[in-house]
N, C-alpha and C. Protein backbone atom coordinates (compact mmCIF):
# COMPACT_ATOMS: atom_id res chain seq x y z
N MET A 1 3.12 -5.44 22.37
CA MET A 1 2.66 -5.43 21.00
C MET A 1 1.15 -5.60 20.98
N GLN A 2 0.50 -4.79 20.16
CA GLN A 2 -0.95 -4.85 20.09
C GLN A 2 -1.39 -6.11 19.35
N THR A 3 -2.54 -6.61 19.72
CA THR A 3 -3.06 -7.77 19.03
C THR A 3 -3.83 -7.32 17.80
N ILE A 4 -4.13 -8.26 16.93
CA ILE A 4 -4.83 -7.95 15.69
C ILE A 4 -6.22 -7.37 15.97
N ASN A 5 -6.81 -7.71 17.09
CA ASN A 5 -8.17 -7.27 17.38
C ASN A 5 -8.27 -5.78 17.70
N ASN A 6 -7.19 -5.16 18.12
CA ASN A 6 -7.27 -3.73 18.43
C ASN A 6 -6.12 -2.94 17.81
N LEU A 7 -5.59 -3.41 16.68
CA LEU A 7 -4.53 -2.72 15.99
C LEU A 7 -5.09 -1.47 15.33
N GLN A 8 -4.63 -0.31 15.76
CA GLN A 8 -5.11 0.94 15.22
C GLN A 8 -3.97 1.60 14.44
N LEU A 9 -4.26 2.01 13.21
CA LEU A 9 -3.28 2.64 12.34
C LEU A 9 -3.63 4.11 12.21
N PRO A 10 -3.04 4.97 13.04
CA PRO A 10 -3.37 6.39 12.97
C PRO A 10 -2.82 7.00 11.69
N PRO A 11 -3.41 8.09 11.23
CA PRO A 11 -2.91 8.74 10.02
C PRO A 11 -1.45 9.18 10.19
N ALA A 12 -0.67 9.00 9.15
CA ALA A 12 0.74 9.40 9.19
C ALA A 12 0.85 10.90 8.97
N GLN A 13 1.63 11.55 9.79
CA GLN A 13 1.89 12.99 9.64
C GLN A 13 3.36 13.22 9.84
N PRO A 14 4.05 14.04 9.13
CA PRO A 14 3.61 14.75 7.94
C PRO A 14 3.50 13.83 6.74
N SER A 15 2.91 14.32 5.67
CA SER A 15 2.58 13.46 4.52
C SER A 15 3.81 12.97 3.77
N ASP A 16 4.95 13.59 3.97
CA ASP A 16 6.15 13.12 3.26
C ASP A 16 6.90 12.03 4.03
N ARG A 17 6.36 11.60 5.17
CA ARG A 17 6.99 10.55 5.96
C ARG A 17 5.96 9.48 6.30
N PRO A 18 5.82 8.47 5.44
CA PRO A 18 4.81 7.44 5.71
C PRO A 18 5.22 6.56 6.89
N HIS A 19 4.23 6.05 7.56
CA HIS A 19 4.44 5.06 8.60
C HIS A 19 4.24 3.70 7.94
N ILE A 20 5.18 2.82 8.12
CA ILE A 20 5.12 1.53 7.44
C ILE A 20 4.99 0.41 8.47
N LEU A 21 4.02 -0.43 8.24
CA LEU A 21 3.81 -1.61 9.05
C LEU A 21 3.93 -2.81 8.12
N LEU A 22 4.94 -3.63 8.33
CA LEU A 22 5.15 -4.81 7.50
C LEU A 22 4.53 -6.01 8.19
N ILE A 23 3.76 -6.75 7.43
CA ILE A 23 3.07 -7.91 7.98
C ILE A 23 3.31 -9.10 7.06
N GLU A 24 3.75 -10.21 7.62
CA GLU A 24 3.91 -11.43 6.86
C GLU A 24 2.86 -12.44 7.29
N ASN A 25 2.45 -13.25 6.35
CA ASN A 25 1.56 -14.38 6.62
C ASN A 25 0.20 -13.97 7.20
N PHE A 26 -0.33 -12.85 6.74
CA PHE A 26 -1.68 -12.47 7.15
C PHE A 26 -2.65 -12.98 6.11
N ASP A 27 -3.77 -13.45 6.54
CA ASP A 27 -4.76 -13.91 5.58
C ASP A 27 -5.76 -12.80 5.28
N GLU A 28 -6.64 -13.05 4.36
CA GLU A 28 -7.60 -12.06 3.90
C GLU A 28 -8.49 -11.57 5.04
N ALA A 29 -8.88 -12.44 5.93
CA ALA A 29 -9.75 -12.04 7.04
C ALA A 29 -9.06 -11.02 7.95
N HIS A 30 -7.77 -11.22 8.21
CA HIS A 30 -7.04 -10.26 9.04
C HIS A 30 -6.94 -8.90 8.36
N LEU A 31 -6.64 -8.91 7.06
CA LEU A 31 -6.55 -7.64 6.34
C LEU A 31 -7.90 -6.93 6.29
N GLU A 32 -8.96 -7.67 6.09
CA GLU A 32 -10.30 -7.08 6.11
C GLU A 32 -10.60 -6.47 7.47
N HIS A 33 -10.23 -7.16 8.53
CA HIS A 33 -10.47 -6.66 9.89
C HIS A 33 -9.70 -5.37 10.14
N ILE A 34 -8.42 -5.35 9.79
CA ILE A 34 -7.60 -4.15 9.97
C ILE A 34 -8.17 -3.00 9.14
N SER A 35 -8.55 -3.28 7.91
CA SER A 35 -9.10 -2.26 7.03
C SER A 35 -10.40 -1.69 7.59
N PHE A 36 -11.29 -2.56 8.04
CA PHE A 36 -12.57 -2.11 8.58
C PHE A 36 -12.38 -1.34 9.88
N TYR A 37 -11.55 -1.85 10.78
CA TYR A 37 -11.32 -1.23 12.09
C TYR A 37 -10.73 0.17 11.96
N ASN A 38 -9.88 0.38 10.93
CA ASN A 38 -9.21 1.66 10.74
C ASN A 38 -9.80 2.51 9.63
N ASN A 39 -10.91 2.05 9.06
CA ASN A 39 -11.54 2.77 7.95
C ASN A 39 -10.49 3.06 6.86
N ALA A 40 -9.72 2.03 6.53
CA ALA A 40 -8.60 2.17 5.60
C ALA A 40 -9.00 1.76 4.19
N LYS A 41 -8.33 2.35 3.24
CA LYS A 41 -8.50 2.01 1.83
C LYS A 41 -7.42 1.00 1.47
N ARG A 42 -7.83 -0.13 0.90
CA ARG A 42 -6.88 -1.16 0.47
C ARG A 42 -6.58 -0.98 -1.01
N ILE A 43 -5.29 -0.92 -1.35
CA ILE A 43 -4.88 -0.76 -2.74
C ILE A 43 -3.85 -1.84 -3.06
N ASN A 44 -4.05 -2.52 -4.17
CA ASN A 44 -3.17 -3.58 -4.61
C ASN A 44 -2.10 -2.98 -5.52
N TYR A 45 -0.89 -2.85 -5.01
CA TYR A 45 0.21 -2.25 -5.78
C TYR A 45 0.55 -3.10 -7.00
N ARG A 46 0.58 -4.40 -6.84
CA ARG A 46 0.92 -5.28 -7.97
C ARG A 46 -0.04 -5.08 -9.13
N GLN A 47 -1.34 -5.02 -8.82
CA GLN A 47 -2.34 -4.81 -9.89
C GLN A 47 -2.18 -3.43 -10.51
N ASN A 48 -1.89 -2.44 -9.68
CA ASN A 48 -1.64 -1.09 -10.19
C ASN A 48 -0.47 -1.09 -11.16
N LEU A 49 0.60 -1.79 -10.80
CA LEU A 49 1.77 -1.87 -11.66
C LEU A 49 1.44 -2.57 -12.98
N LEU A 50 0.73 -3.69 -12.90
CA LEU A 50 0.38 -4.41 -14.12
C LEU A 50 -0.53 -3.58 -15.02
N ASN A 51 -1.39 -2.77 -14.43
CA ASN A 51 -2.26 -1.91 -15.23
C ASN A 51 -1.49 -0.80 -15.94
N ARG A 52 -0.34 -0.43 -15.40
CA ARG A 52 0.46 0.64 -16.00
C ARG A 52 1.42 0.15 -17.07
N LEU A 53 1.59 -1.16 -17.18
CA LEU A 53 2.50 -1.70 -18.18
C LEU A 53 1.96 -1.51 -19.60
N ARG A 54 2.87 -1.24 -20.51
CA ARG A 54 2.50 -1.16 -21.92
C ARG A 54 2.63 -2.55 -22.52
N PRO A 55 1.87 -2.84 -23.58
CA PRO A 55 1.96 -4.17 -24.21
C PRO A 55 3.37 -4.52 -24.70
N ALA A 56 4.18 -3.51 -25.03
CA ALA A 56 5.54 -3.76 -25.52
C ALA A 56 6.51 -4.11 -24.40
N ASP A 57 6.15 -3.83 -23.14
CA ASP A 57 7.03 -4.14 -22.02
C ASP A 57 7.10 -5.65 -21.81
N LYS A 58 8.31 -6.16 -21.72
CA LYS A 58 8.48 -7.60 -21.54
C LYS A 58 8.89 -7.96 -20.12
N PHE A 59 9.55 -7.04 -19.45
CA PHE A 59 10.07 -7.34 -18.12
C PHE A 59 9.77 -6.19 -17.17
N LEU A 60 9.69 -6.52 -15.90
CA LEU A 60 9.53 -5.51 -14.87
C LEU A 60 10.89 -5.23 -14.25
N LEU A 61 11.52 -4.20 -14.71
CA LEU A 61 12.86 -3.85 -14.22
C LEU A 61 12.73 -2.72 -13.20
N LEU A 62 12.10 -3.03 -12.08
CA LEU A 62 11.81 -2.00 -11.09
C LEU A 62 13.08 -1.37 -10.52
N HIS A 63 14.14 -2.14 -10.42
CA HIS A 63 15.38 -1.59 -9.87
C HIS A 63 15.95 -0.49 -10.76
N LEU A 64 15.51 -0.42 -12.00
CA LEU A 64 15.93 0.65 -12.90
C LEU A 64 15.00 1.85 -12.84
N HIS A 65 13.88 1.71 -12.14
CA HIS A 65 12.86 2.76 -12.10
C HIS A 65 12.41 3.06 -10.69
N LEU A 66 13.32 3.07 -9.74
CA LEU A 66 12.94 3.29 -8.34
C LEU A 66 12.29 4.64 -8.12
N ASP A 67 12.84 5.69 -8.71
CA ASP A 67 12.24 7.03 -8.55
C ASP A 67 10.83 7.06 -9.07
N ARG A 68 10.61 6.45 -10.23
CA ARG A 68 9.26 6.43 -10.82
C ARG A 68 8.29 5.71 -9.89
N GLU A 69 8.69 4.56 -9.36
CA GLU A 69 7.78 3.78 -8.52
C GLU A 69 7.53 4.45 -7.18
N LEU A 70 8.52 5.12 -6.63
CA LEU A 70 8.29 5.88 -5.40
C LEU A 70 7.33 7.03 -5.66
N ASN A 71 7.44 7.66 -6.81
CA ASN A 71 6.48 8.72 -7.18
C ASN A 71 5.09 8.16 -7.37
N VAL A 72 4.98 6.97 -7.95
CA VAL A 72 3.67 6.34 -8.13
C VAL A 72 3.05 6.03 -6.77
N ILE A 73 3.84 5.48 -5.86
CA ILE A 73 3.32 5.18 -4.52
C ILE A 73 2.86 6.46 -3.83
N SER A 74 3.63 7.51 -3.98
CA SER A 74 3.26 8.80 -3.40
C SER A 74 1.95 9.30 -4.00
N SER A 75 1.81 9.17 -5.31
CA SER A 75 0.58 9.66 -5.95
C SER A 75 -0.62 8.78 -5.61
N ILE A 76 -0.40 7.48 -5.43
CA ILE A 76 -1.49 6.59 -5.01
C ILE A 76 -2.04 7.08 -3.67
N CYS A 77 -1.15 7.43 -2.77
CA CYS A 77 -1.58 7.90 -1.45
C CYS A 77 -2.21 9.29 -1.53
N ALA A 78 -1.64 10.17 -2.34
CA ALA A 78 -2.15 11.53 -2.45
C ALA A 78 -3.50 11.59 -3.14
N ASP A 79 -3.76 10.66 -4.05
CA ASP A 79 -4.99 10.69 -4.83
C ASP A 79 -6.18 10.07 -4.11
N ASN A 80 -5.97 9.54 -2.93
CA ASN A 80 -7.05 8.91 -2.17
C ASN A 80 -7.43 9.78 -0.99
N ASN A 81 -8.72 9.80 -0.71
CA ASN A 81 -9.25 10.63 0.37
C ASN A 81 -9.11 9.97 1.74
N SER A 82 -8.80 8.72 1.76
CA SER A 82 -8.70 8.00 3.02
C SER A 82 -7.47 8.43 3.81
N GLU A 83 -7.61 8.53 5.12
CA GLU A 83 -6.47 8.89 5.97
C GLU A 83 -5.50 7.74 6.13
N VAL A 84 -5.98 6.51 6.02
CA VAL A 84 -5.14 5.33 6.15
C VAL A 84 -5.26 4.51 4.87
N ILE A 85 -4.11 4.18 4.29
CA ILE A 85 -4.08 3.38 3.07
C ILE A 85 -3.25 2.15 3.34
N ILE A 86 -3.80 1.00 3.00
CA ILE A 86 -3.07 -0.26 3.11
C ILE A 86 -2.64 -0.62 1.69
N LEU A 87 -1.34 -0.54 1.45
CA LEU A 87 -0.77 -0.86 0.15
C LEU A 87 -0.33 -2.31 0.18
N GLU A 88 -1.10 -3.15 -0.53
CA GLU A 88 -0.87 -4.59 -0.53
C GLU A 88 -0.01 -5.02 -1.70
N LYS A 89 0.52 -6.22 -1.59
CA LYS A 89 1.28 -6.86 -2.68
C LYS A 89 2.47 -6.04 -3.11
N LEU A 90 3.18 -5.50 -2.16
CA LEU A 90 4.37 -4.69 -2.43
C LEU A 90 5.61 -5.56 -2.21
N ASP A 91 5.58 -6.76 -2.74
CA ASP A 91 6.69 -7.68 -2.50
C ASP A 91 7.54 -7.89 -3.72
């Protein structure tokens, strides 16, 4: 297993099959290091979701909108020029 100091995240190919790396208990310094080392774009999914909510929405019923959220994640990745995207707060 590679250490945090030389973790390289190559671009995922083809574009319809993302490569997923799940990390628990990483602090901000580790994420900054990975992002800088891989020239990655960091995107906060939770903030993106909150920005898309309408004032009338009272609850986040994501299990009822899985297709919509998968499409949003796909568009987040497609709309960015970076080859590597770190999608944070996807919990």
